[in-house]
Amino acid sequence: MKQYGDGVGYRNPHEFEGDDISQQYLPDALVEQRYYVPRDQGDEATVSARMAVLDSARQAVREAGRQRRKQDRPGVDPMASMSDGLNAHNESRKRLAETQKRDAGT
């Protein structure tokens, strides 16, 4: 589809630190339109705080002038997946269970 112009210039947010980048997804005519404004009650207060953090992080990136790709970070495997972390967690749980059995004398 790229030969027809679809996706040209698209940057995958998950390839960048924070999994969020400044990128325009809407047509120019809709860019300034606000569709959701969270209130200060219940879970919306949490959403509002999260949106404020993202906005300030985006502003800092704009001021710095560069968004750092995850692959640029030393010691981070860009091909690692969520299952890699889950596998490590499960191994840790197995070792703990073995230690507890051994300590219990069973």
PDB file of N, CA and C in Angstrom:
ATOM      1  N   MET A   1       0.813  -1.190   0.000  1.00  0.00           N
ATOM      2  CA  MET A   1       0.000   0.000   0.000  1.00  0.00           C
ATOM      3  C   MET A   1       0.865   1.267   0.000  1.00  0.00           C
ATOM      4  N   LYS A   2       2.149   1.119   0.409  1.00  0.00           N
ATOM      5  CA  LYS A   2       3.010   2.301   0.436  1.00  0.00           C
ATOM      6  C   LYS A   2       3.172   2.914  -0.952  1.00  0.00           C
ATOM      7  N   GLN A   3       3.080   2.062  -1.985  1.00  0.00           N
ATOM      8  CA  GLN A   3       3.209   2.604  -3.337  1.00  0.00           C
ATOM      9  C   GLN A   3       2.066   3.558  -3.676  1.00  0.00           C
ATOM     10  N   TYR A   4       0.964   3.445  -2.928  1.00  0.00           N
ATOM     11  CA  TYR A   4      -0.176   4.341  -3.123  1.00  0.00           C
ATOM     12  C   TYR A   4      -0.182   5.494  -2.117  1.00  0.00           C
ATOM     13  N   GLY A   5       0.853   5.540  -1.282  1.00  0.00           N
ATOM     14  CA  GLY A   5       0.967   6.631  -0.320  1.00  0.00           C
ATOM     15  C   GLY A   5       0.454   6.311   1.070  1.00  0.00           C
ATOM     16  N   ASP A   6      -0.107   5.128   1.283  1.00  0.00           N
ATOM     17  CA  ASP A   6      -0.605   4.759   2.613  1.00  0.00           C
ATOM     18  C   ASP A   6       0.568   4.459   3.540  1.00  0.00           C
ATOM     19  N   GLY A   7       0.558   5.058   4.688  1.00  0.00           N
ATOM     20  CA  GLY A   7       1.569   4.779   5.700  1.00  0.00           C
ATOM     21  C   GLY A   7       2.901   5.468   5.483  1.00  0.00           C
ATOM     22  N   VAL A   8       3.032   6.264   4.456  1.00  0.00           N
ATOM     23  CA  VAL A   8       4.287   6.957   4.199  1.00  0.00           C
ATOM     24  C   VAL A   8       4.533   7.965   5.309  1.00  0.00           C
ATOM     25  N   GLY A   9       5.699   7.906   5.912  1.00  0.00           N
ATOM     26  CA  GLY A   9       6.037   8.808   7.003  1.00  0.00           C
ATOM     27  C   GLY A   9       5.567   8.343   8.364  1.00  0.00           C
ATOM     28  N   TYR A  10       4.855   7.233   8.428  1.00  0.00           N
ATOM     29  CA  TYR A  10       4.353   6.719   9.703  1.00  0.00           C
ATOM     30  C   TYR A  10       5.518   6.207  10.540  1.00  0.00           C
ATOM     31  N   ARG A  11       5.511   6.552  11.816  1.00  0.00           N
ATOM     32  CA  ARG A  11       6.503   6.047  12.759  1.00  0.00           C
ATOM     33  C   ARG A  11       5.764   5.250  13.823  1.00  0.00           C
ATOM     34  N   ASN A  12       6.155   4.006  14.015  1.00  0.00           N
ATOM     35  CA  ASN A  12       5.510   3.133  14.990  1.00  0.00           C
ATOM     36  C   ASN A  12       5.867   3.620  16.400  1.00  0.00           C
ATOM     37  N   PRO A  13       4.894   4.063  17.179  1.00  0.00           N
ATOM     38  CA  PRO A  13       5.181   4.589  18.518  1.00  0.00           C
ATOM     39  C   PRO A  13       5.914   3.595  19.414  1.00  0.00           C
ATOM     40  N   HIS A  14       5.684   2.303  19.226  1.00  0.00           N
ATOM     41  CA  HIS A  14       6.292   1.289  20.095  1.00  0.00           C
ATOM     42  C   HIS A  14       7.779   1.107  19.829  1.00  0.00           C
ATOM     43  N   GLU A  15       8.298   1.763  18.791  1.00  0.00           N
ATOM     44  CA  GLU A  15       9.730   1.715  18.525  1.00  0.00           C
ATOM     45  C   GLU A  15      10.470   2.850  19.228  1.00  0.00           C
ATOM     46  N   PHE A  16       9.748   3.696  19.956  1.00  0.00           N
ATOM     47  CA  PHE A  16      10.336   4.865  20.602  1.00  0.00           C
ATOM     48  C   PHE A  16      10.147   4.781  22.109  1.00  0.00           C
ATOM     49  N   GLU A  17      11.071   5.444  22.844  1.00  0.00           N
ATOM     50  CA  GLU A  17      10.970   5.473  24.296  1.00  0.00           C
ATOM     51  C   GLU A  17       9.629   6.032  24.728  1.00  0.00           C
ATOM     52  N   GLY A  18       9.030   5.407  25.715  1.00  0.00           N
ATOM     53  CA  GLY A  18       7.744   5.852  26.228  1.00  0.00           C
ATOM     54  C   GLY A  18       6.564   5.380  25.392  1.00  0.00           C
ATOM     55  N   ASP A  19       6.827   4.731  24.267  1.00  0.00           N
ATOM     56  CA  ASP A  19       5.785   4.209  23.373  1.00  0.00           C
ATOM     57  C   ASP A  19       4.789   5.275  22.956  1.00  0.00           C
ATOM     58  N   ASP A  20       5.251   6.502  22.885  1.00  0.00           N
ATOM     59  CA  ASP A  20       4.383   7.611  22.509  1.00  0.00           C
ATOM     60  C   ASP A  20       5.227   8.643  21.784  1.00  0.00           C
ATOM     61  N   ILE A  21       4.780   9.065  20.623  1.00  0.00           N
ATOM     62  CA  ILE A  21       5.509  10.080  19.868  1.00  0.00           C
ATOM     63  C   ILE A  21       4.544  11.140  19.360  1.00  0.00           C
ATOM     64  N   SER A  22       5.088  12.298  19.057  1.00  0.00           N
ATOM     65  CA  SER A  22       4.270  13.361  18.472  1.00  0.00           C
ATOM     66  C   SER A  22       4.080  13.035  17.005  1.00  0.00           C
ATOM     67  N   GLN A  23       2.886  12.677  16.654  1.00  0.00           N
ATOM     68  CA  GLN A  23       2.589  12.297  15.278  1.00  0.00           C
ATOM     69  C   GLN A  23       1.122  12.650  15.001  1.00  0.00           C
ATOM     70  N   GLN A  24       0.889  13.257  13.886  1.00  0.00           N
ATOM     71  CA  GLN A  24      -0.476  13.646  13.534  1.00  0.00           C
ATOM     72  C   GLN A  24      -1.158  12.491  12.814  1.00  0.00           C
ATOM     73  N   TYR A  25      -2.277  12.054  13.378  1.00  0.00           N
ATOM     74  CA  TYR A  25      -3.043  10.966  12.784  1.00  0.00           C
ATOM     75  C   TYR A  25      -4.289  11.482  12.056  1.00  0.00           C
ATOM     76  N   LEU A  26      -4.804  12.603  12.507  1.00  0.00           N
ATOM     77  CA  LEU A  26      -6.042  13.149  11.944  1.00  0.00           C
ATOM     78  C   LEU A  26      -5.760  14.035  10.728  1.00  0.00           C
ATOM     79  N   PRO A  27      -6.751  14.204   9.871  1.00  0.00           N
ATOM     80  CA  PRO A  27      -6.607  15.172   8.781  1.00  0.00           C
ATOM     81  C   PRO A  27      -6.408  16.580   9.351  1.00  0.00           C
ATOM     82  N   ASP A  28      -5.760  17.448   8.593  1.00  0.00           N
ATOM     83  CA  ASP A  28      -5.462  18.810   9.057  1.00  0.00           C
ATOM     84  C   ASP A  28      -6.692  19.532   9.591  1.00  0.00           C
ATOM     85  N   ALA A  29      -7.835  19.333   8.962  1.00  0.00           N
ATOM     86  CA  ALA A  29      -9.059  20.040   9.365  1.00  0.00           C
ATOM     87  C   ALA A  29      -9.537  19.641  10.762  1.00  0.00           C
ATOM     88  N   LEU A  30      -9.092  18.488  11.272  1.00  0.00           N
ATOM     89  CA  LEU A  30      -9.562  17.993  12.571  1.00  0.00           C
ATOM     90  C   LEU A  30      -8.522  18.065  13.683  1.00  0.00           C
ATOM     91  N   VAL A  31      -7.332  18.548  13.369  1.00  0.00           N
ATOM     92  CA  VAL A  31      -6.234  18.504  14.327  1.00  0.00           C
ATOM     93  C   VAL A  31      -6.547  19.228  15.634  1.00  0.00           C
ATOM     94  N   GLU A  32      -7.132  20.391  15.586  1.00  0.00           N
ATOM     95  CA  GLU A  32      -7.392  21.178  16.798  1.00  0.00           C
ATOM     96  C   GLU A  32      -8.671  20.770  17.520  1.00  0.00           C
ATOM     97  N   GLN A  33      -9.440  19.871  16.982  1.00  0.00           N
ATOM     98  CA  GLN A  33     -10.708  19.439  17.578  1.00  0.00           C
ATOM     99  C   GLN A  33     -10.459  18.581  18.815  1.00  0.00           C
ATOM    100  N   ARG A  34     -11.116  18.885  19.934  1.00  0.00           N
ATOM    101  CA  ARG A  34     -11.041  18.070  21.143  1.00  0.00           C
ATOM    102  C   ARG A  34     -12.296  17.222  21.228  1.00  0.00           C
ATOM    103  N   TYR A  35     -12.117  15.918  21.336  1.00  0.00           N
ATOM    104  CA  TYR A  35     -13.257  15.008  21.406  1.00  0.00           C
ATOM    105  C   TYR A  35     -13.520  14.528  22.825  1.00  0.00           C
ATOM    106  N   TYR A  36     -12.542  14.656  23.686  1.00  0.00           N
ATOM    107  CA  TYR A  36     -12.700  14.168  25.049  1.00  0.00           C
ATOM    108  C   TYR A  36     -11.966  15.098  26.011  1.00  0.00           C
ATOM    109  N   VAL A  37     -12.678  15.561  27.008  1.00  0.00           N
ATOM    110  CA  VAL A  37     -12.082  16.382  28.060  1.00  0.00           C
ATOM    111  C   VAL A  37     -12.473  15.721  29.379  1.00  0.00           C
ATOM    112  N   PRO A  38     -11.519  15.060  30.049  1.00  0.00           N
ATOM    113  CA  PRO A  38     -11.859  14.363  31.294  1.00  0.00           C
ATOM    114  C   PRO A  38     -12.180  15.349  32.408  1.00  0.00           C
ATOM    115  N   ARG A  39     -13.092  14.945  33.271  1.00  0.00           N
ATOM    116  CA  ARG A  39     -13.468  15.768  34.421  1.00  0.00           C
ATOM    117  C   ARG A  39     -12.572  15.403  35.598  1.00  0.00           C
ATOM    118  N   ASP A  40     -12.773  16.016  36.724  1.00  0.00           N
ATOM    119  CA  ASP A  40     -11.906  15.778  37.880  1.00  0.00           C
ATOM    120  C   ASP A  40     -12.520  14.810  38.892  1.00  0.00           C
ATOM    121  N   GLN A  41     -13.421  13.954  38.440  1.00  0.00           N
ATOM    122  CA  GLN A  41     -14.076  13.024  39.346  1.00  0.00           C
ATOM    123  C   GLN A  41     -13.781  11.588  38.942  1.00  0.00           C
ATOM    124  N   GLY A  42     -13.672  10.718  39.927  1.00  0.00           N
ATOM    125  CA  GLY A  42     -13.493   9.292  39.689  1.00  0.00           C
ATOM    126  C   GLY A  42     -12.255   8.977  38.871  1.00  0.00           C
ATOM    127  N   ASP A  43     -12.389   7.992  38.006  1.00  0.00           N
ATOM    128  CA  ASP A  43     -11.270   7.560  37.182  1.00  0.00           C
ATOM    129  C   ASP A  43     -10.861   8.612  36.163  1.00  0.00           C
ATOM    130  N   GLU A  44     -11.737   9.532  35.854  1.00  0.00           N
ATOM    131  CA  GLU A  44     -11.397  10.572  34.885  1.00  0.00           C
ATOM    132  C   GLU A  44     -10.288  11.473  35.409  1.00  0.00           C
ATOM    133  N   ALA A  45     -10.178  11.617  36.724  1.00  0.00           N
ATOM    134  CA  ALA A  45      -9.081  12.397  37.296  1.00  0.00           C
ATOM    135  C   ALA A  45      -7.747  11.724  36.987  1.00  0.00           C
ATOM    136  N   THR A  46      -7.726  10.400  37.048  1.00  0.00           N
ATOM    137  CA  THR A  46      -6.521   9.642  36.710  1.00  0.00           C
ATOM    138  C   THR A  46      -6.191   9.804  35.234  1.00  0.00           C
ATOM    139  N   VAL A  47      -7.202   9.733  34.389  1.00  0.00           N
ATOM    140  CA  VAL A  47      -7.011   9.915  32.952  1.00  0.00           C
ATOM    141  C   VAL A  47      -6.471  11.309  32.671  1.00  0.00           C
ATOM    142  N   SER A  48      -7.020  12.291  33.344  1.00  0.00           N
ATOM    143  CA  SER A  48      -6.581  13.670  33.167  1.00  0.00           C
ATOM    144  C   SER A  48      -5.113  13.832  33.553  1.00  0.00           C
ATOM    145  N   ALA A  49      -4.725  13.230  34.671  1.00  0.00           N
ATOM    146  CA  ALA A  49      -3.328  13.304  35.114  1.00  0.00           C
ATOM    147  C   ALA A  49      -2.406  12.617  34.112  1.00  0.00           C
ATOM    148  N   ARG A  50      -2.828  11.477  33.606  1.00  0.00           N
ATOM    149  CA  ARG A  50      -2.025  10.749  32.614  1.00  0.00           C
ATOM    150  C   ARG A  50      -1.878  11.575  31.341  1.00  0.00           C
ATOM    151  N   MET A  51      -2.949  12.218  30.900  1.00  0.00           N
ATOM    152  CA  MET A  51      -2.891  13.053  29.705  1.00  0.00           C
ATOM    153  C   MET A  51      -1.948  14.239  29.923  1.00  0.00           C
ATOM    154  N   ALA A  52      -1.938  14.804  31.124  1.00  0.00           N
ATOM    155  CA  ALA A  52      -1.050  15.922  31.430  1.00  0.00           C
ATOM    156  C   ALA A  52       0.411  15.488  31.385  1.00  0.00           C
ATOM    157  N   VAL A  53       0.696  14.294  31.921  1.00  0.00           N
ATOM    158  CA  VAL A  53       2.066  13.761  31.879  1.00  0.00           C
ATOM    159  C   VAL A  53       2.506  13.544  30.435  1.00  0.00           C
ATOM    160  N   LEU A  54       1.628  12.962  29.612  1.00  0.00           N
ATOM    161  CA  LEU A  54       1.966  12.741  28.202  1.00  0.00           C
ATOM    162  C   LEU A  54       2.188  14.061  27.474  1.00  0.00           C
ATOM    163  N   ASP A  55       1.343  15.035  27.738  1.00  0.00           N
ATOM    164  CA  ASP A  55       1.501  16.343  27.089  1.00  0.00           C
ATOM    165  C   ASP A  55       2.829  16.990  27.460  1.00  0.00           C
ATOM    166  N   SER A  56       3.210  16.929  28.746  1.00  0.00           N
ATOM    167  CA  SER A  56       4.475  17.547  29.149  1.00  0.00           C
ATOM    168  C   SER A  56       5.659  16.778  28.582  1.00  0.00           C
ATOM    169  N   ALA A  57       5.554  15.444  28.490  1.00  0.00           N
ATOM    170  CA  ALA A  57       6.629  14.652  27.894  1.00  0.00           C
ATOM    171  C   ALA A  57       6.767  14.972  26.408  1.00  0.00           C
ATOM    172  N   ARG A  58       5.654  15.126  25.725  1.00  0.00           N
ATOM    173  CA  ARG A  58       5.704  15.491  24.308  1.00  0.00           C
ATOM    174  C   ARG A  58       6.329  16.865  24.124  1.00  0.00           C
ATOM    175  N   GLN A  59       5.987  17.806  25.015  1.00  0.00           N
ATOM    176  CA  GLN A  59       6.559  19.140  24.936  1.00  0.00           C
ATOM    177  C   GLN A  59       8.071  19.088  25.148  1.00  0.00           C
ATOM    178  N   ALA A  60       8.518  18.296  26.104  1.00  0.00           N
ATOM    179  CA  ALA A  60       9.955  18.163  26.363  1.00  0.00           C
ATOM    180  C   ALA A  60      10.679  17.588  25.154  1.00  0.00           C
ATOM    181  N   VAL A  61      10.052  16.607  24.490  1.00  0.00           N
ATOM    182  CA  VAL A  61      10.648  16.011  23.296  1.00  0.00           C
ATOM    183  C   VAL A  61      10.729  17.042  22.181  1.00  0.00           C
ATOM    184  N   ARG A  62       9.666  17.842  22.019  1.00  0.00           N
ATOM    185  CA  ARG A  62       9.685  18.888  20.988  1.00  0.00           C
ATOM    186  C   ARG A  62      10.814  19.876  21.246  1.00  0.00           C
ATOM    187  N   GLU A  63      10.992  20.236  22.515  1.00  0.00           N
ATOM    188  CA  GLU A  63      12.047  21.184  22.862  1.00  0.00           C
ATOM    189  C   GLU A  63      13.434  20.580  22.658  1.00  0.00           C
ATOM    190  N   ALA A  64      13.582  19.283  22.958  1.00  0.00           N
ATOM    191  CA  ALA A  64      14.873  18.613  22.771  1.00  0.00           C
ATOM    192  C   ALA A  64      15.146  18.368  21.287  1.00  0.00           C
ATOM    193  N   GLY A  65      14.089  18.244  20.520  1.00  0.00           N
ATOM    194  CA  GLY A  65      14.238  18.090  19.075  1.00  0.00           C
ATOM    195  C   GLY A  65      14.553  16.690  18.599  1.00  0.00           C
ATOM    196  N   ARG A  66      14.478  15.687  19.478  1.00  0.00           N
ATOM    197  CA  ARG A  66      14.781  14.321  19.032  1.00  0.00           C
ATOM    198  C   ARG A  66      13.993  13.331  19.866  1.00  0.00           C
ATOM    199  N   GLN A  67      13.462  12.336  19.177  1.00  0.00           N
ATOM    200  CA  GLN A  67      12.799  11.235  19.864  1.00  0.00           C
ATOM    201  C   GLN A  67      13.709  10.023  19.747  1.00  0.00           C
ATOM    202  N   ARG A  68      14.050   9.437  20.864  1.00  0.00           N
ATOM    203  CA  ARG A  68      15.022   8.356  20.887  1.00  0.00           C
ATOM    204  C   ARG A  68      14.352   7.018  20.621  1.00  0.00           C
ATOM    205  N   ARG A  69      14.882   6.313  19.635  1.00  0.00           N
ATOM    206  CA  ARG A  69      14.365   4.994  19.307  1.00  0.00           C
ATOM    207  C   ARG A  69      14.817   3.991  20.352  1.00  0.00           C
ATOM    208  N   LYS A  70      13.997   3.018  20.628  1.00  0.00           N
ATOM    209  CA  LYS A  70      14.353   1.993  21.607  1.00  0.00           C
ATOM    210  C   LYS A  70      15.608   1.234  21.184  1.00  0.00           C
ATOM    211  N   GLN A  71      15.798   1.030  19.885  1.00  0.00           N
ATOM    212  CA  GLN A  71      16.953   0.302  19.395  1.00  0.00           C
ATOM    213  C   GLN A  71      18.248   1.064  19.689  1.00  0.00           C
ATOM    214  N   ASP A  72      18.161   2.374  19.921  1.00  0.00           N
ATOM    215  CA  ASP A  72      19.338   3.187  20.206  1.00  0.00           C
ATOM    216  C   ASP A  72      19.813   3.018  21.648  1.00  0.00           C
ATOM    217  N   ARG A  73      18.995   2.403  22.484  1.00  0.00           N
ATOM    218  CA  ARG A  73      19.362   2.270  23.889  1.00  0.00           C
ATOM    219  C   ARG A  73      20.270   1.070  24.082  1.00  0.00           C
ATOM    220  N   PRO A  74      21.425   1.264  24.720  1.00  0.00           N
ATOM    221  CA  PRO A  74      22.326   0.134  24.960  1.00  0.00           C
ATOM    222  C   PRO A  74      21.729  -0.841  25.967  1.00  0.00           C
ATOM    223  N   GLY A  75      21.957  -2.104  25.747  1.00  0.00           N
ATOM    224  CA  GLY A  75      21.508  -3.128  26.675  1.00  0.00           C
ATOM    225  C   GLY A  75      20.054  -3.510  26.552  1.00  0.00           C
ATOM    226  N   VAL A  76      19.339  -2.991  25.579  1.00  0.00           N
ATOM    227  CA  VAL A  76      17.932  -3.311  25.400  1.00  0.00           C
ATOM    228  C   VAL A  76      17.779  -4.089  24.105  1.00  0.00           C
ATOM    229  N   ASP A  77      17.182  -5.251  24.194  1.00  0.00           N
ATOM    230  CA  ASP A  77      16.958  -6.067  23.010  1.00  0.00           C
ATOM    231  C   ASP A  77      15.673  -5.605  22.333  1.00  0.00           C
ATOM    232  N   PRO A  78      15.772  -4.999  21.137  1.00  0.00           N
ATOM    233  CA  PRO A  78      14.563  -4.499  20.480  1.00  0.00           C
ATOM    234  C   PRO A  78      13.621  -5.614  20.047  1.00  0.00           C
ATOM    235  N   MET A  79      14.127  -6.842  19.992  1.00  0.00           N
ATOM    236  CA  MET A  79      13.282  -7.965  19.584  1.00  0.00           C
ATOM    237  C   MET A  79      12.657  -8.678  20.778  1.00  0.00           C
ATOM    238  N   ALA A  80      12.957  -8.204  21.987  1.00  0.00           N
ATOM    239  CA  ALA A  80      12.372  -8.826  23.175  1.00  0.00           C
ATOM    240  C   ALA A  80      10.876  -8.567  23.174  1.00  0.00           C
ATOM    241  N   SER A  81      10.152  -9.531  23.666  1.00  0.00           N
ATOM    242  CA  SER A  81       8.701  -9.381  23.700  1.00  0.00           C
ATOM    243  C   SER A  81       8.205  -9.513  25.133  1.00  0.00           C
ATOM    244  N   MET A  82       6.935  -9.285  25.294  1.00  0.00           N
ATOM    245  CA  MET A  82       6.331  -9.386  26.608  1.00  0.00           C
ATOM    246  C   MET A  82       6.466 -10.811  27.161  1.00  0.00           C
ATOM    247  N   SER A  83       6.431 -11.792  26.273  1.00  0.00           N
ATOM    248  CA  SER A  83       6.534 -13.179  26.737  1.00  0.00           C
ATOM    249  C   SER A  83       7.912 -13.465  27.319  1.00  0.00           C
ATOM    250  N   ASP A  84       8.961 -12.742  26.864  1.00  0.00           N
ATOM    251  CA  ASP A  84      10.289 -12.921  27.438  1.00  0.00           C
ATOM    252  C   ASP A  84      10.270 -12.549  28.911  1.00  0.00           C
ATOM    253  N   GLY A  85       9.636 -11.441  29.241  1.00  0.00           N
ATOM    254  CA  GLY A  85       9.527 -11.019  30.632  1.00  0.00           C
ATOM    255  C   GLY A  85       8.673 -11.980  31.440  1.00  0.00           C
ATOM    256  N   LEU A  86       7.623 -12.504  30.835  1.00  0.00           N
ATOM    257  CA  LEU A  86       6.755 -13.455  31.513  1.00  0.00           C
ATOM    258  C   LEU A  86       7.499 -14.761  31.782  1.00  0.00           C
ATOM    259  N   ASN A  87       8.316 -15.200  30.817  1.00  0.00           N
ATOM    260  CA  ASN A  87       9.106 -16.417  31.011  1.00  0.00           C
ATOM    261  C   ASN A  87      10.058 -16.255  32.187  1.00  0.00           C
ATOM    262  N   ALA A  88      10.724 -15.104  32.270  1.00  0.00           N
ATOM    263  CA  ALA A  88      11.633 -14.838  33.386  1.00  0.00           C
ATOM    264  C   ALA A  88      10.860 -14.830  34.700  1.00  0.00           C
ATOM    265  N   HIS A  89       9.663 -14.251  34.702  1.00  0.00           N
ATOM    266  CA  HIS A  89       8.834 -14.210  35.910  1.00  0.00           C
ATOM    267  C   HIS A  89       8.447 -15.628  36.341  1.00  0.00           C
ATOM    268  N   ASN A  90       8.049 -16.448  35.385  1.00  0.00           N
ATOM    269  CA  ASN A  90       7.655 -17.826  35.703  1.00  0.00           C
ATOM    270  C   ASN A  90       8.835 -18.632  36.240  1.00  0.00           C
ATOM    271  N   GLU A  91      10.026 -18.411  35.669  1.00  0.00           N
ATOM    272  CA  GLU A  91      11.221 -19.105  36.171  1.00  0.00           C
ATOM    273  C   GLU A  91      11.498 -18.688  37.613  1.00  0.00           C
ATOM    274  N   SER A  92      11.344 -17.416  37.897  1.00  0.00           N
ATOM    275  CA  SER A  92      11.560 -16.915  39.247  1.00  0.00           C
ATOM    276  C   SER A  92      10.567 -17.549  40.220  1.00  0.00           C
ATOM    277  N   ARG A  93       9.315 -17.682  39.796  1.00  0.00           N
ATOM    278  CA  ARG A  93       8.290 -18.301  40.645  1.00  0.00           C
ATOM    279  C   ARG A  93       8.617 -19.774  40.909  1.00  0.00           C
ATOM    280  N   LYS A  94       9.127 -20.477  39.890  1.00  0.00           N
ATOM    281  CA  LYS A  94       9.508 -21.891  40.062  1.00  0.00           C
ATOM    282  C   LYS A  94      10.638 -22.022  41.077  1.00  0.00           C
ATOM    283  N   ARG A  95      11.655 -21.145  40.963  1.00  0.00           N
ATOM    284  CA  ARG A  95      12.775 -21.201  41.908  1.00  0.00           C
ATOM    285  C   ARG A  95      12.298 -20.925  43.332  1.00  0.00           C
ATOM    286  N   LEU A  96      11.386 -19.958  43.475  1.00  0.00           N
ATOM    287  CA  LEU A  96      10.852 -19.647  44.796  1.00  0.00           C
ATOM    288  C   LEU A  96      10.093 -20.843  45.367  1.00  0.00           C
ATOM    289  N   ALA A  97       9.280 -21.484  44.546  1.00  0.00           N
ATOM    290  CA  ALA A  97       8.520 -22.652  45.014  1.00  0.00           C
ATOM    291  C   ALA A  97       9.459 -23.782  45.430  1.00  0.00           C
ATOM    292  N   GLU A  98      10.526 -23.993  44.672  1.00  0.00           N
ATOM    293  CA  GLU A  98      11.496 -25.034  45.016  1.00  0.00           C
ATOM    294  C   GLU A  98      12.177 -24.708  46.338  1.00  0.00           C
ATOM    295  N   THR A  99      12.537 -23.442  46.534  1.00  0.00           N
ATOM    296  CA  THR A  99      13.160 -23.019  47.777  1.00  0.00           C
ATOM    297  C   THR A  99      12.223 -23.212  48.954  1.00  0.00           C
ATOM    298  N   GLN A 100      10.956 -22.866  48.780  1.00  0.00           N
ATOM    299  CA  GLN A 100       9.982 -23.026  49.846  1.00  0.00           C
ATOM    300  C   GLN A 100       9.764 -24.491  50.184  1.00  0.00           C
ATOM    301  N   LYS A 101       9.733 -25.356  49.195  1.00  0.00           N
ATOM    302  CA  LYS A 101       9.582 -26.806  49.450  1.00  0.00           C
ATOM    303  C   LYS A 101      10.778 -27.331  50.216  1.00  0.00           C
ATOM    304  N   ARG A 102      11.971 -26.914  49.774  1.00  0.00           N
ATOM    305  CA  ARG A 102      13.191 -27.369  50.425  1.00  0.00           C
ATOM    306  C   ARG A 102      13.233 -26.899  51.877  1.00  0.00           C
ATOM    307  N   ASP A 103      12.850 -25.638  52.104  1.00  0.00           N
ATOM    308  CA  ASP A 103      12.856 -25.092  53.473  1.00  0.00           C
ATOM    309  C   ASP A 103      11.812 -25.763  54.357  1.00  0.00           C
ATOM    310  N   ALA A 104      10.701 -26.198  53.751  1.00  0.00           N
ATOM    311  CA  ALA A 104       9.633 -26.859  54.509  1.00  0.00           C
ATOM    312  C   ALA A 104       9.978 -28.318  54.784  1.00  0.00           C
ATOM    313  N   GLY A 105      10.990 -28.839  54.107  1.00  0.00           N
ATOM    314  CA  GLY A 105      11.420 -30.214  54.332  1.00  0.00           C
ATOM    315  C   GLY A 105      10.554 -31.252  53.635  1.00  0.00           C
ATOM    316  N   THR A 106       9.861 -30.844  52.554  1.00  0.00           N
ATOM    317  CA  THR A 106       9.012 -31.805  51.829  1.00  0.00           C
ATOM    318  C   THR A 106       9.666 -32.247  50.572  1.00  0.00           C
TER     319      THR A 106
END
